[in-house]
Amino acid sequence: MPTSIIEAYFPVLLQVLLAAVIAAALITLGVVLGNRVKNKVKDTPYECGINPTGNARERFSVKFYLVAMLFILFDIEAIFLYPWAVVYRELKLFAFFEMLVFIALVLAGFFYIWKKGVLDWAADDRHEESSR
């Protein structure tokens, strides 16, 4: 049993120092041993095997941001489910109905954006093709 703060936190300090030394050594080895051949192919950006076209400063569709917010919403729901599951047996039926209301509200938001067409990514393509 450690008797002082220094004894208690020494293993943590040792681990941080060891991690810093390993990270610095790996970066240094990469710089020293790395092959630095410059050519046009290596300098082009790579996006999933597709050659980049157009300007990188194009505007994103609002749907992209709405799907990102939906992802965050469901992450928050998952975070709330863990502590609820831990205390579920203590709270009994109250916890069940409380989570039922929470999930109903999250699903209401999900169905709202579904009806708005946020999840239909092909809708813009169909609209552009029909207007040509």
C-alpha atoms as a PDB file:
ATOM      1  CA  MET A   1       0.000   0.000   0.000  1.00  0.00           C
ATOM      2  CA  PRO A   2       1.536   3.353  -1.008  1.00  0.00           C
ATOM      3  CA  THR A   3       2.165   5.710   1.881  1.00  0.00           C
ATOM      4  CA  SER A   4       2.713   8.949  -0.045  1.00  0.00           C
ATOM      5  CA  ILE A   5       1.369  10.659  -3.124  1.00  0.00           C
ATOM      6  CA  ILE A   6       4.672  10.169  -4.928  1.00  0.00           C
ATOM      7  CA  GLU A   7       4.536   6.413  -4.391  1.00  0.00           C
ATOM      8  CA  ALA A   8       0.920   6.297  -5.543  1.00  0.00           C
ATOM      9  CA  TYR A   9       1.468   8.218  -8.785  1.00  0.00           C
ATOM     10  CA  PHE A  10       4.944   6.932  -9.677  1.00  0.00           C
ATOM     11  CA  PRO A  11       3.586   4.089 -11.887  1.00  0.00           C
ATOM     12  CA  VAL A  12       1.429   6.594 -13.800  1.00  0.00           C
ATOM     13  CA  LEU A  13       4.385   8.928 -14.289  1.00  0.00           C
ATOM     14  CA  LEU A  14       6.541   6.021 -15.419  1.00  0.00           C
ATOM     15  CA  GLN A  15       3.902   4.937 -17.949  1.00  0.00           C
ATOM     16  CA  VAL A  16       3.547   8.466 -19.362  1.00  0.00           C
ATOM     17  CA  LEU A  17       7.315   8.809 -19.709  1.00  0.00           C
ATOM     18  CA  LEU A  18       7.606   5.398 -21.352  1.00  0.00           C
ATOM     19  CA  ALA A  19       4.826   6.274 -23.813  1.00  0.00           C
ATOM     20  CA  ALA A  20       6.513   9.588 -24.666  1.00  0.00           C
ATOM     21  CA  VAL A  21       9.869   7.873 -25.251  1.00  0.00           C
ATOM     22  CA  ILE A  22       8.310   5.200 -27.488  1.00  0.00           C
ATOM     23  CA  ALA A  23       6.367   7.815 -29.483  1.00  0.00           C
ATOM     24  CA  ALA A  24       9.451   9.993 -29.962  1.00  0.00           C
ATOM     25  CA  ALA A  25      11.525   6.961 -30.976  1.00  0.00           C
ATOM     26  CA  LEU A  26       8.968   5.842 -33.574  1.00  0.00           C
ATOM     27  CA  ILE A  27       8.692   9.317 -35.086  1.00  0.00           C
ATOM     28  CA  THR A  28      12.466   9.696 -35.177  1.00  0.00           C
ATOM     29  CA  LEU A  29      12.893   6.287 -36.826  1.00  0.00           C
ATOM     30  CA  GLY A  30      10.267   7.197 -39.420  1.00  0.00           C
ATOM     31  CA  VAL A  31      12.066  10.418 -40.281  1.00  0.00           C
ATOM     32  CA  VAL A  32      15.518   8.836 -40.383  1.00  0.00           C
ATOM     33  CA  LEU A  33      14.667   5.592 -42.177  1.00  0.00           C
ATOM     34  CA  GLY A  34      11.737   6.779 -44.275  1.00  0.00           C
ATOM     35  CA  ASN A  35      11.935   6.830 -48.049  1.00  0.00           C
ATOM     36  CA  ARG A  36      11.391  10.378 -49.305  1.00  0.00           C
ATOM     37  CA  VAL A  37      10.814  10.106 -53.060  1.00  0.00           C
ATOM     38  CA  LYS A  38       8.835  13.036 -54.426  1.00  0.00           C
ATOM     39  CA  ASN A  39       6.722  12.645 -57.539  1.00  0.00           C
ATOM     40  CA  LYS A  40       3.446  13.906 -58.909  1.00  0.00           C
ATOM     41  CA  VAL A  41       1.472  10.751 -58.068  1.00  0.00           C
ATOM     42  CA  LYS A  42       2.477  10.810 -54.403  1.00  0.00           C
ATOM     43  CA  ASP A  43       1.598  14.486 -54.060  1.00  0.00           C
ATOM     44  CA  THR A  44      -1.991  14.087 -55.306  1.00  0.00           C
ATOM     45  CA  PRO A  45      -4.732  13.673 -52.713  1.00  0.00           C
ATOM     46  CA  TYR A  46      -6.211  10.188 -52.426  1.00  0.00           C
ATOM     47  CA  GLU A  47      -9.916   9.721 -51.788  1.00  0.00           C
ATOM     48  CA  CYS A  48     -11.027   6.087 -51.677  1.00  0.00           C
ATOM     49  CA  GLY A  49      -9.458   5.199 -55.016  1.00  0.00           C
ATOM     50  CA  ILE A  50     -11.228   7.968 -56.929  1.00  0.00           C
ATOM     51  CA  ASN A  51      -9.266  10.732 -58.614  1.00  0.00           C
ATOM     52  CA  PRO A  52     -10.287  14.077 -57.091  1.00  0.00           C
ATOM     53  CA  THR A  53     -12.257  16.398 -59.340  1.00  0.00           C
ATOM     54  CA  GLY A  54     -13.472  19.921 -58.843  1.00  0.00           C
ATOM     55  CA  ASN A  55     -12.721  22.445 -56.174  1.00  0.00           C
ATOM     56  CA  ALA A  56     -12.196  21.389 -52.554  1.00  0.00           C
ATOM     57  CA  ARG A  57     -14.132  24.443 -51.366  1.00  0.00           C
ATOM     58  CA  GLU A  58     -17.530  23.299 -52.644  1.00  0.00           C
ATOM     59  CA  ARG A  59     -20.482  23.607 -50.305  1.00  0.00           C
ATOM     60  CA  PHE A  60     -21.778  20.513 -48.544  1.00  0.00           C
ATOM     61  CA  SER A  61     -25.413  19.587 -48.609  1.00  0.00           C
ATOM     62  CA  VAL A  62     -27.377  20.390 -45.461  1.00  0.00           C
ATOM     63  CA  LYS A  63     -28.250  16.697 -45.342  1.00  0.00           C
ATOM     64  CA  PHE A  64     -24.653  15.941 -44.429  1.00  0.00           C
ATOM     65  CA  TYR A  65     -24.925  18.042 -41.273  1.00  0.00           C
ATOM     66  CA  LEU A  66     -28.360  16.679 -40.396  1.00  0.00           C
ATOM     67  CA  VAL A  67     -27.079  13.105 -40.602  1.00  0.00           C
ATOM     68  CA  ALA A  68     -24.095  14.108 -38.446  1.00  0.00           C
ATOM     69  CA  MET A  69     -26.482  15.525 -35.836  1.00  0.00           C
ATOM     70  CA  LEU A  70     -28.535  12.337 -36.026  1.00  0.00           C
ATOM     71  CA  PHE A  71     -25.397  10.318 -35.378  1.00  0.00           C
ATOM     72  CA  ILE A  72     -24.642  12.448 -32.305  1.00  0.00           C
ATOM     73  CA  LEU A  73     -28.237  12.063 -31.118  1.00  0.00           C
ATOM     74  CA  PHE A  74     -28.033   8.267 -31.236  1.00  0.00           C
ATOM     75  CA  ASP A  75     -24.617   8.333 -29.562  1.00  0.00           C
ATOM     76  CA  ILE A  76     -26.110  10.329 -26.698  1.00  0.00           C
ATOM     77  CA  GLU A  77     -28.964   7.840 -26.509  1.00  0.00           C
ATOM     78  CA  ALA A  78     -26.495   4.976 -26.217  1.00  0.00           C
ATOM     79  CA  ILE A  79     -24.597   6.843 -23.492  1.00  0.00           C
ATOM     80  CA  PHE A  80     -27.818   7.277 -21.501  1.00  0.00           C
ATOM     81  CA  LEU A  81     -28.719   3.606 -21.898  1.00  0.00           C
ATOM     82  CA  TYR A  82     -25.640   2.365 -20.012  1.00  0.00           C
ATOM     83  CA  PRO A  83     -26.283   4.014 -16.616  1.00  0.00           C
ATOM     84  CA  TRP A  84     -29.973   3.228 -16.993  1.00  0.00           C
ATOM     85  CA  ALA A  85     -29.175  -0.451 -17.445  1.00  0.00           C
ATOM     86  CA  VAL A  86     -26.958  -0.406 -14.351  1.00  0.00           C
ATOM     87  CA  VAL A  87     -29.689   0.950 -12.032  1.00  0.00           C
ATOM     88  CA  TYR A  88     -32.629  -0.711 -13.777  1.00  0.00           C
ATOM     89  CA  ARG A  89     -33.234  -3.330 -11.069  1.00  0.00           C
ATOM     90  CA  GLU A  90     -33.233  -0.705  -8.322  1.00  0.00           C
ATOM     91  CA  LEU A  91     -35.751   1.576 -10.042  1.00  0.00           C
ATOM     92  CA  LYS A  92     -37.955  -1.252 -11.341  1.00  0.00           C
ATOM     93  CA  LEU A  93     -41.029  -0.214 -13.351  1.00  0.00           C
ATOM     94  CA  PHE A  94     -40.315   3.527 -13.083  1.00  0.00           C
ATOM     95  CA  ALA A  95     -37.042   3.061 -14.983  1.00  0.00           C
ATOM     96  CA  PHE A  96     -38.790   1.081 -17.686  1.00  0.00           C
ATOM     97  CA  PHE A  97     -41.394   3.768 -18.381  1.00  0.00           C
ATOM     98  CA  GLU A  98     -38.821   6.545 -18.113  1.00  0.00           C
ATOM     99  CA  MET A  99     -36.655   4.907 -20.786  1.00  0.00           C
ATOM    100  CA  LEU A 100     -39.733   4.139 -22.868  1.00  0.00           C
ATOM    101  CA  VAL A 101     -40.548   7.876 -22.970  1.00  0.00           C
ATOM    102  CA  PHE A 102     -36.920   8.735 -23.782  1.00  0.00           C
ATOM    103  CA  ILE A 103     -36.724   6.251 -26.655  1.00  0.00           C
ATOM    104  CA  ALA A 104     -40.134   7.415 -27.945  1.00  0.00           C
ATOM    105  CA  LEU A 105     -38.837  11.000 -28.110  1.00  0.00           C
ATOM    106  CA  VAL A 106     -35.666   9.925 -29.913  1.00  0.00           C
ATOM    107  CA  LEU A 107     -37.688   7.844 -32.376  1.00  0.00           C
ATOM    108  CA  ALA A 108     -40.052  10.781 -32.954  1.00  0.00           C
ATOM    109  CA  GLY A 109     -37.043  12.868 -33.997  1.00  0.00           C
ATOM    110  CA  PHE A 110     -35.798  10.034 -36.191  1.00  0.00           C
ATOM    111  CA  PHE A 111     -39.150   9.622 -37.967  1.00  0.00           C
ATOM    112  CA  TYR A 112     -39.383  13.396 -38.418  1.00  0.00           C
ATOM    113  CA  ILE A 113     -36.090  13.590 -40.299  1.00  0.00           C
ATOM    114  CA  TRP A 114     -36.980  10.429 -42.198  1.00  0.00           C
ATOM    115  CA  LYS A 115     -40.220  12.047 -43.401  1.00  0.00           C
ATOM    116  CA  LYS A 116     -38.302  15.227 -44.300  1.00  0.00           C
ATOM    117  CA  GLY A 117     -36.151  13.114 -46.641  1.00  0.00           C
ATOM    118  CA  VAL A 118     -32.851  13.746 -44.896  1.00  0.00           C
ATOM    119  CA  LEU A 119     -31.853  10.099 -45.156  1.00  0.00           C
ATOM    120  CA  ASP A 120     -32.705   9.850 -48.872  1.00  0.00           C
ATOM    121  CA  TRP A 121     -29.366  10.769 -50.428  1.00  0.00           C
ATOM    122  CA  ALA A 122     -30.452   9.829 -53.944  1.00  0.00           C
ATOM    123  CA  ALA A 123     -33.274  12.403 -53.967  1.00  0.00           C
ATOM    124  CA  ASP A 124     -30.935  15.207 -55.110  1.00  0.00           C
ATOM    125  CA  ASP A 125     -29.588  13.060 -57.948  1.00  0.00           C
ATOM    126  CA  ARG A 126     -33.111  12.164 -59.132  1.00  0.00           C
ATOM    127  CA  HIS A 127     -34.165  15.821 -58.974  1.00  0.00           C
ATOM    128  CA  GLU A 128     -31.137  16.940 -61.018  1.00  0.00           C
ATOM    129  CA  GLU A 129     -31.695  14.217 -63.636  1.00  0.00           C
ATOM    130  CA  SER A 130     -35.375  15.074 -64.063  1.00  0.00           C
ATOM    131  CA  SER A 131     -34.639  18.789 -64.494  1.00  0.00           C
ATOM    132  CA  ARG A 132     -32.189  18.194 -67.372  1.00  0.00           C
END
